Amino acid sequence: MTQSQTRRIAIEIKRIIGFNFLEKVRATQYVEARAFFVHILKNYYKFRNKDIINTFNDLGFKMDSATLCHSLKMFEVYEHKNERMQKWFDQLFLTPDYKSRSNTQAYINSKLKYLPEHILVKMAAQIETVIKYEEFEEVQNIEWVW
């Protein structure tokens, strides 16, 4: 991912949350927003820790490995029953961009934890069938029944 693509993600997150999360502010919503950005980079775009640190530093927020580790560790605490953060996820992945594999995977990942188990089982079976029979060209003809 290029630096300009990373900047676009940061700008989009700033737009969604409504404030500059890269300011040196220790208020809860700022800390949560930075953890949200770290989570997106790490889990949806597969950034290495070093790349995340470099990204924050390039964007003007001084980050070191201790700060990154704390942010990664605390994300689940911040996310748990946090309606504000859930709205951020929903808005970030509201309209999927199927033009790239990483964007499509990010959209799917963002929705998986909210699907009921029986839906996940059906999806897994359908994916297994597609892979097993290598019918990648015919995926458009699959009837995705929920």
N, C-alpha and C. Protein backbone atom coordinates (compact mmCIF):
# COMPACT_ATOMS: atom_id res chain seq x y z
N MET A 1 0.85 -1.17 0.00
CA MET A 1 0.00 0.00 0.00
C MET A 1 0.90 1.23 0.00
N THR A 2 0.56 2.17 -0.84
CA THR A 2 1.37 3.38 -0.94
C THR A 2 1.04 4.36 0.19
N GLN A 3 1.92 5.32 0.36
CA GLN A 3 1.72 6.33 1.39
C GLN A 3 0.45 7.15 1.09
N SER A 4 0.19 7.42 -0.18
CA SER A 4 -1.02 8.19 -0.51
C SER A 4 -2.29 7.40 -0.21
N GLN A 5 -2.26 6.08 -0.39
CA GLN A 5 -3.42 5.25 -0.05
C GLN A 5 -3.65 5.25 1.46
N THR A 6 -2.57 5.18 2.20
CA THR A 6 -2.67 5.21 3.66
C THR A 6 -3.21 6.55 4.12
N ARG A 7 -2.76 7.62 3.50
CA ARG A 7 -3.28 8.96 3.83
C ARG A 7 -4.78 9.04 3.54
N ARG A 8 -5.21 8.42 2.44
CA ARG A 8 -6.65 8.43 2.11
C ARG A 8 -7.45 7.71 3.18
N ILE A 9 -6.92 6.61 3.70
CA ILE A 9 -7.61 5.88 4.77
C ILE A 9 -7.70 6.78 6.01
N ALA A 10 -6.60 7.43 6.36
CA ALA A 10 -6.59 8.33 7.52
C ALA A 10 -7.59 9.47 7.34
N ILE A 11 -7.64 10.04 6.16
CA ILE A 11 -8.58 11.13 5.87
C ILE A 11 -10.02 10.64 5.97
N GLU A 12 -10.27 9.45 5.46
CA GLU A 12 -11.62 8.87 5.53
C GLU A 12 -12.02 8.63 6.98
N ILE A 13 -11.10 8.15 7.78
CA ILE A 13 -11.41 7.92 9.20
C ILE A 13 -11.65 9.25 9.91
N LYS A 14 -10.85 10.27 9.60
CA LYS A 14 -11.08 11.60 10.18
C LYS A 14 -12.48 12.10 9.82
N ARG A 15 -12.88 11.90 8.57
CA ARG A 15 -14.21 12.34 8.11
C ARG A 15 -15.31 11.61 8.88
N ILE A 16 -15.14 10.32 9.05
CA ILE A 16 -16.16 9.50 9.71
C ILE A 16 -16.30 9.85 11.18
N ILE A 17 -15.17 9.99 11.87
CA ILE A 17 -15.25 10.23 13.31
C ILE A 17 -15.49 11.69 13.65
N GLY A 18 -15.18 12.59 12.73
CA GLY A 18 -15.52 13.99 12.92
C GLY A 18 -14.49 14.82 13.65
N PHE A 19 -13.29 14.31 13.84
CA PHE A 19 -12.22 15.09 14.47
C PHE A 19 -10.88 14.52 14.05
N ASN A 20 -9.83 15.30 14.29
CA ASN A 20 -8.48 14.88 13.93
C ASN A 20 -7.90 14.00 15.05
N PHE A 21 -7.99 12.70 14.85
CA PHE A 21 -7.54 11.75 15.87
C PHE A 21 -6.03 11.72 16.02
N LEU A 22 -5.31 12.41 15.14
CA LEU A 22 -3.84 12.44 15.21
C LEU A 22 -3.32 13.60 16.06
N GLU A 23 -4.23 14.37 16.65
CA GLU A 23 -3.81 15.42 17.57
C GLU A 23 -3.31 14.79 18.86
N LYS A 24 -2.39 15.47 19.53
CA LYS A 24 -1.84 14.99 20.80
C LYS A 24 -2.84 15.27 21.92
N VAL A 25 -3.94 14.53 21.90
CA VAL A 25 -4.98 14.67 22.91
C VAL A 25 -5.20 13.30 23.53
N ARG A 26 -5.33 13.26 24.85
CA ARG A 26 -5.48 11.97 25.53
C ARG A 26 -6.92 11.67 25.92
N ALA A 27 -7.85 12.45 25.43
CA ALA A 27 -9.27 12.20 25.70
C ALA A 27 -9.65 10.84 25.13
N THR A 28 -10.61 10.21 25.76
CA THR A 28 -11.00 8.84 25.41
C THR A 28 -11.30 8.66 23.93
N GLN A 29 -12.09 9.55 23.37
CA GLN A 29 -12.47 9.36 21.97
C GLN A 29 -11.26 9.44 21.02
N TYR A 30 -10.26 10.22 21.36
CA TYR A 30 -9.05 10.32 20.54
C TYR A 30 -8.23 9.03 20.64
N VAL A 31 -8.08 8.54 21.86
CA VAL A 31 -7.33 7.30 22.07
C VAL A 31 -8.03 6.14 21.36
N GLU A 32 -9.36 6.08 21.49
CA GLU A 32 -10.12 5.03 20.80
C GLU A 32 -9.99 5.14 19.29
N ALA A 33 -10.02 6.36 18.78
CA ALA A 33 -9.91 6.57 17.33
C ALA A 33 -8.55 6.14 16.82
N ARG A 34 -7.49 6.44 17.56
CA ARG A 34 -6.16 5.99 17.15
C ARG A 34 -6.07 4.46 17.19
N ALA A 35 -6.65 3.84 18.20
CA ALA A 35 -6.68 2.38 18.28
C ALA A 35 -7.49 1.80 17.12
N PHE A 36 -8.56 2.46 16.75
CA PHE A 36 -9.38 2.05 15.61
C PHE A 36 -8.55 2.08 14.33
N PHE A 37 -7.81 3.15 14.12
CA PHE A 37 -6.96 3.28 12.93
C PHE A 37 -5.89 2.19 12.92
N VAL A 38 -5.26 1.96 14.07
CA VAL A 38 -4.26 0.90 14.19
C VAL A 38 -4.88 -0.45 13.84
N HIS A 39 -6.06 -0.71 14.38
CA HIS A 39 -6.76 -1.97 14.12
C HIS A 39 -7.06 -2.15 12.64
N ILE A 40 -7.52 -1.11 12.01
CA ILE A 40 -7.82 -1.16 10.57
C ILE A 40 -6.55 -1.48 9.78
N LEU A 41 -5.48 -0.77 10.07
CA LEU A 41 -4.22 -1.00 9.34
C LEU A 41 -3.68 -2.41 9.57
N LYS A 42 -3.73 -2.87 10.81
CA LYS A 42 -3.16 -4.17 11.17
C LYS A 42 -4.01 -5.34 10.67
N ASN A 43 -5.30 -5.28 10.87
CA ASN A 43 -6.16 -6.43 10.64
C ASN A 43 -6.85 -6.44 9.28
N TYR A 44 -7.03 -5.29 8.68
CA TYR A 44 -7.72 -5.25 7.40
C TYR A 44 -6.76 -5.05 6.23
N TYR A 45 -5.66 -4.34 6.50
CA TYR A 45 -4.68 -4.08 5.44
C TYR A 45 -3.35 -4.78 5.69
N LYS A 46 -3.28 -5.57 6.74
CA LYS A 46 -2.13 -6.44 7.05
C LYS A 46 -0.80 -5.69 7.16
N PHE A 47 -0.84 -4.50 7.76
CA PHE A 47 0.38 -3.75 8.00
C PHE A 47 1.19 -4.44 9.09
N ARG A 48 2.50 -4.40 8.95
CA ARG A 48 3.39 -4.86 10.01
C ARG A 48 3.48 -3.74 11.06
N ASN A 49 3.87 -4.11 12.27
CA ASN A 49 3.98 -3.11 13.33
C ASN A 49 4.88 -1.95 12.92
N LYS A 50 6.00 -2.26 12.31
CA LYS A 50 6.95 -1.24 11.87
C LYS A 50 6.27 -0.27 10.88
N ASP A 51 5.45 -0.82 9.99
CA ASP A 51 4.77 0.02 8.99
C ASP A 51 3.72 0.92 9.65
N ILE A 52 3.05 0.41 10.66
CA ILE A 52 2.07 1.23 11.38
C ILE A 52 2.76 2.39 12.09
N ILE A 53 3.87 2.09 12.76
CA ILE A 53 4.63 3.14 13.44
C ILE A 53 5.09 4.19 12.44
N ASN A 54 5.63 3.75 11.32
CA ASN A 54 6.08 4.69 10.28
C ASN A 54 4.92 5.52 9.74
N THR A 55 3.75 4.89 9.57
CA THR A 55 2.57 5.61 9.07
C THR A 55 2.19 6.73 10.03
N PHE A 56 2.08 6.40 11.31
CA PHE A 56 1.72 7.43 12.29
C PHE A 56 2.75 8.55 12.31
N ASN A 57 4.03 8.19 12.30
CA ASN A 57 5.09 9.21 12.30
C ASN A 57 5.03 10.07 11.05
N ASP A 58 4.76 9.45 9.89
CA ASP A 58 4.64 10.22 8.64
C ASP A 58 3.44 11.16 8.67
N LEU A 59 2.40 10.77 9.41
CA LEU A 59 1.20 11.60 9.50
C LEU A 59 1.30 12.65 10.60
N GLY A 60 2.45 12.68 11.30
CA GLY A 60 2.67 13.73 12.29
C GLY A 60 2.36 13.35 13.73
N PHE A 61 2.02 12.09 13.98
CA PHE A 61 1.77 11.65 15.34
C PHE A 61 2.92 10.75 15.76
N LYS A 62 3.69 11.18 16.75
CA LYS A 62 4.86 10.40 17.18
C LYS A 62 4.39 9.13 17.87
N MET A 63 4.78 8.00 17.29
CA MET A 63 4.42 6.70 17.87
C MET A 63 5.67 5.86 17.99
N ASP A 64 5.74 5.10 19.08
CA ASP A 64 6.82 4.14 19.25
C ASP A 64 6.20 2.76 19.44
N SER A 65 7.03 1.75 19.60
CA SER A 65 6.51 0.39 19.68
C SER A 65 5.69 0.16 20.94
N ALA A 66 6.03 0.81 22.04
CA ALA A 66 5.25 0.65 23.27
C ALA A 66 3.83 1.20 23.10
N THR A 67 3.73 2.36 22.47
CA THR A 67 2.42 2.96 22.22
C THR A 67 1.60 2.08 21.29
N LEU A 68 2.24 1.55 20.27
CA LEU A 68 1.54 0.66 19.33
C LEU A 68 1.06 -0.60 20.04
N CYS A 69 1.91 -1.23 20.82
CA CYS A 69 1.52 -2.45 21.54
C CYS A 69 0.35 -2.19 22.48
N HIS A 70 0.39 -1.06 23.17
CA HIS A 70 -0.72 -0.70 24.06
C HIS A 70 -2.01 -0.51 23.27
N SER A 71 -1.92 0.16 22.14
CA SER A 71 -3.09 0.39 21.31
C SER A 71 -3.69 -0.92 20.81
N LEU A 72 -2.83 -1.82 20.36
CA LEU A 72 -3.29 -3.13 19.88
C LEU A 72 -3.95 -3.92 21.00
N LYS A 73 -3.32 -3.88 22.17
CA LYS A 73 -3.83 -4.64 23.32
C LYS A 73 -5.17 -4.09 23.80
N MET A 74 -5.31 -2.78 23.80
CA MET A 74 -6.50 -2.15 24.37
C MET A 74 -7.67 -2.05 23.40
N PHE A 75 -7.44 -2.32 22.13
CA PHE A 75 -8.51 -2.16 21.15
C PHE A 75 -9.77 -2.94 21.54
N GLU A 76 -9.60 -4.20 21.94
CA GLU A 76 -10.78 -5.01 22.30
C GLU A 76 -11.53 -4.41 23.48
N VAL A 77 -10.81 -3.83 24.42
CA VAL A 77 -11.45 -3.16 25.55
C VAL A 77 -12.24 -1.96 25.06
N TYR A 78 -11.63 -1.17 24.18
CA TYR A 78 -12.30 0.02 23.65
C TYR A 78 -13.52 -0.36 22.82
N GLU A 79 -13.41 -1.45 22.08
CA GLU A 79 -14.47 -1.84 21.15
C GLU A 79 -15.67 -2.46 21.85
N HIS A 80 -15.45 -3.12 22.96
CA HIS A 80 -16.50 -3.87 23.66
C HIS A 80 -17.68 -2.96 24.03
N LYS A 81 -18.82 -3.25 23.46
CA LYS A 81 -20.07 -2.51 23.72
C LYS A 81 -19.92 -1.01 23.49
N ASN A 82 -19.14 -0.63 22.51
CA ASN A 82 -18.89 0.78 22.22
C ASN A 82 -19.67 1.16 20.96
N GLU A 83 -20.81 1.79 21.17
CA GLU A 83 -21.67 2.16 20.04
C GLU A 83 -21.00 3.15 19.10
N ARG A 84 -20.23 4.05 19.66
CA ARG A 84 -19.54 5.04 18.83
C ARG A 84 -18.57 4.35 17.87
N MET A 85 -17.79 3.40 18.38
CA MET A 85 -16.84 2.70 17.53
C MET A 85 -17.55 1.82 16.51
N GLN A 86 -18.67 1.22 16.90
CA GLN A 86 -19.43 0.41 15.97
C GLN A 86 -19.94 1.26 14.80
N LYS A 87 -20.35 2.48 15.10
CA LYS A 87 -20.79 3.39 14.03
C LYS A 87 -19.62 3.70 13.10
N TRP A 88 -18.42 3.84 13.65
CA TRP A 88 -17.24 4.10 12.81
C TRP A 88 -17.02 2.94 11.85
N PHE A 89 -17.10 1.71 12.36
CA PHE A 89 -16.95 0.53 11.50
C PHE A 89 -18.01 0.53 10.40
N ASP A 90 -19.24 0.75 10.81
CA ASP A 90 -20.35 0.70 9.84
C ASP A 90 -20.16 1.74 8.75
N GLN A 91 -19.75 2.95 9.13
CA GLN A 91 -19.56 4.00 8.13
C GLN A 91 -18.35 3.74 7.25
N LEU A 92 -17.28 3.22 7.82
CA LEU A 92 -16.08 2.96 7.04
C LEU A 92 -16.32 1.90 5.98
N PHE A 93 -17.12 0.90 6.33
CA PHE A 93 -17.37 -0.20 5.40
C PHE A 93 -18.81 -0.21 4.89
N LEU A 94 -19.45 0.95 4.90
CA LEU A 94 -20.83 1.06 4.47
C LEU A 94 -21.02 0.61 3.03
N THR A 95 -20.25 1.16 2.14
CA THR A 95 -20.34 0.81 0.74
C THR A 95 -19.07 0.10 0.34
N PRO A 96 -19.18 -1.19 0.07
CA PRO A 96 -17.97 -1.93 -0.29
C PRO A 96 -17.40 -1.48 -1.63
N ASP A 97 -16.11 -1.48 -1.70
CA ASP A 97 -15.41 -1.17 -2.94
C ASP A 97 -14.82 -2.48 -3.44
N TYR A 98 -15.48 -3.09 -4.40
CA TYR A 98 -15.05 -4.40 -4.87
C TYR A 98 -13.97 -4.30 -5.94
N LYS A 99 -13.34 -3.14 -6.08
CA LYS A 99 -12.33 -2.96 -7.12
C LYS A 99 -10.99 -3.57 -6.73
N SER A 100 -10.79 -3.81 -5.45
CA SER A 100 -9.53 -4.41 -5.03
C SER A 100 -9.79 -5.51 -4.01
N ARG A 101 -8.91 -6.47 -4.00
CA ARG A 101 -9.03 -7.60 -3.07
C ARG A 101 -8.99 -7.12 -1.62
N SER A 102 -8.08 -6.20 -1.30
CA SER A 102 -7.95 -5.77 0.09
C SER A 102 -9.21 -5.05 0.57
N ASN A 103 -9.82 -4.23 -0.27
CA ASN A 103 -11.05 -3.54 0.12
C ASN A 103 -12.20 -4.52 0.30
N THR A 104 -12.30 -5.50 -0.58
CA THR A 104 -13.35 -6.50 -0.49
C THR A 104 -13.17 -7.33 0.78
N GLN A 105 -11.94 -7.74 1.06
CA GLN A 105 -11.68 -8.51 2.28
C GLN A 105 -11.98 -7.68 3.53
N ALA A 106 -11.63 -6.40 3.50
CA ALA A 106 -11.89 -5.54 4.65
C ALA A 106 -13.39 -5.43 4.91
N TYR A 107 -14.16 -5.30 3.85
CA TYR A 107 -15.62 -5.22 3.99
C TYR A 107 -16.17 -6.51 4.59
N ILE A 108 -15.75 -7.64 4.06
CA ILE A 108 -16.24 -8.94 4.55
C ILE A 108 -15.84 -9.13 6.01
N ASN A 109 -14.59 -8.84 6.34
CA ASN A 109 -14.12 -8.98 7.73
C ASN A 109 -14.94 -8.12 8.69
N SER A 110 -15.30 -6.93 8.26
CA SER A 110 -16.04 -6.02 9.13
C SER A 110 -17.44 -6.53 9.43
N LYS A 111 -17.98 -7.34 8.57
CA LYS A 111 -19.35 -7.82 8.74
C LYS A 111 -19.44 -9.20 9.38
N LEU A 112 -18.37 -9.99 9.32
CA LEU A 112 -18.42 -11.37 9.79
C LEU A 112 -18.83 -11.52 11.25
N LYS A 113 -18.32 -10.67 12.11
CA LYS A 113 -18.59 -10.88 13.54
C LYS A 113 -20.04 -10.59 13.91
N TYR A 114 -20.81 -10.00 12.99
CA TYR A 114 -22.20 -9.67 13.29
C TYR A 114 -23.18 -10.66 12.67
N LEU A 115 -22.67 -11.60 11.87
CA LEU A 115 -23.56 -12.58 11.25
C LEU A 115 -23.88 -13.71 12.21
N PRO A 116 -25.12 -14.18 12.19
CA PRO A 116 -25.46 -15.32 13.04
C PRO A 116 -24.69 -16.57 12.62
N GLU A 117 -24.51 -17.47 13.55
CA GLU A 117 -23.70 -18.66 13.28
C GLU A 117 -24.23 -19.48 12.11
N HIS A 118 -25.54 -19.64 12.01
CA HIS A 118 -26.09 -20.47 10.92
C HIS A 118 -25.79 -19.87 9.55
N ILE A 119 -25.70 -18.56 9.47
CA ILE A 119 -25.35 -17.90 8.21
C ILE A 119 -23.88 -18.16 7.88
N LEU A 120 -23.02 -18.06 8.88
CA LEU A 120 -21.60 -18.32 8.68
C LEU A 120 -21.37 -19.75 8.20
N VAL A 121 -22.09 -20.69 8.77
CA VAL A 121 -21.95 -22.09 8.36
C VAL A 121 -22.35 -22.26 6.89
N LYS A 122 -23.45 -21.64 6.49
CA LYS A 122 -23.89 -21.72 5.09
C LYS A 122 -22.87 -21.07 4.15
N MET A 123 -22.35 -19.93 4.56
CA MET A 123 -21.35 -19.25 3.72
C MET A 123 -20.09 -20.10 3.58
N ALA A 124 -19.66 -20.68 4.68
CA ALA A 124 -18.45 -21.52 4.64
C ALA A 124 -18.66 -22.71 3.70
N ALA A 125 -19.84 -23.32 3.74
CA ALA A 125 -20.13 -24.46 2.87
C ALA A 125 -20.13 -24.03 1.41
N GLN A 126 -20.69 -22.87 1.12
CA GLN A 126 -20.72 -22.39 -0.26
C GLN A 126 -19.32 -22.06 -0.76
N ILE A 127 -18.52 -21.46 0.10
CA ILE A 127 -17.13 -21.15 -0.28
C ILE A 127 -16.36 -22.43 -0.52
N GLU A 128 -16.55 -23.40 0.36
CA GLU A 128 -15.87 -24.68 0.19
C GLU A 128 -16.24 -25.33 -1.14
N THR A 129 -17.50 -25.26 -1.52
CA THR A 129 -17.95 -25.82 -2.79
C THR A 129 -17.28 -25.12 -3.96
N VAL A 130 -17.21 -23.81 -3.91
CA VAL A 130 -16.58 -23.04 -4.98
C VAL A 130 -15.11 -23.43 -5.12
N ILE A 131 -14.41 -23.52 -4.00
CA ILE A 131 -12.99 -23.86 -4.03
C ILE A 131 -12.79 -25.31 -4.48
N LYS A 132 -13.60 -26.19 -3.96
CA LYS A 132 -13.46 -27.61 -4.26
C LYS A 132 -13.61 -27.89 -5.75
N TYR A 133 -14.56 -27.27 -6.35
CA TYR A 133 -14.83 -27.53 -7.77
C TYR A 133 -14.19 -26.49 -8.69
N GLU A 134 -13.44 -25.56 -8.08
CA GLU A 134 -12.74 -24.52 -8.83
C GLU A 134 -13.63 -23.85 -9.86
N GLU A 135 -14.82 -23.52 -9.42
CA GLU A 135 -15.79 -22.89 -10.30
C GLU A 135 -15.76 -21.37 -10.11
N PHE A 136 -14.57 -20.83 -10.10
CA PHE A 136 -14.42 -19.41 -9.84
C PHE A 136 -15.13 -18.55 -10.89
N GLU A 137 -15.14 -19.01 -12.11
CA GLU A 137 -15.80 -18.23 -13.16
C GLU A 137 -17.32 -18.28 -13.03
N GLU A 138 -17.82 -19.31 -12.36
CA GLU A 138 -19.27 -19.48 -12.26
C GLU A 138 -19.82 -19.00 -10.93
N VAL A 139 -19.01 -18.33 -10.14
CA VAL A 139 -19.45 -17.86 -8.83
C VAL A 139 -20.64 -16.92 -8.97
N GLN A 140 -20.71 -16.19 -10.05
CA GLN A 140 -21.81 -15.26 -10.24
C GLN A 140 -23.15 -15.98 -10.31
N ASN A 141 -23.13 -17.25 -10.68
CA ASN A 141 -24.37 -18.00 -10.82
C ASN A 141 -24.84 -18.67 -9.52
N ILE A 142 -24.04 -18.57 -8.46
CA ILE A 142 -24.42 -19.19 -7.19
C ILE A 142 -25.58 -18.41 -6.60
N GLU A 143 -26.56 -19.13 -6.13
CA GLU A 143 -27.68 -18.50 -5.47
C GLU A 143 -27.37 -18.45 -3.97
N TRP A 144 -27.06 -17.29 -3.47
CA TRP A 144 -26.68 -17.11 -2.08
C TRP A 144 -27.95 -17.01 -1.24
N VAL A 145 -28.39 -18.13 -0.70
CA VAL A 145 -29.62 -18.21 0.05
C VAL A 145 -29.31 -18.11 1.54
N TRP A 146 -29.99 -17.23 2.19
CA TRP A 146 -29.81 -17.07 3.64
C TRP A 146 -31.00 -17.63 4.32
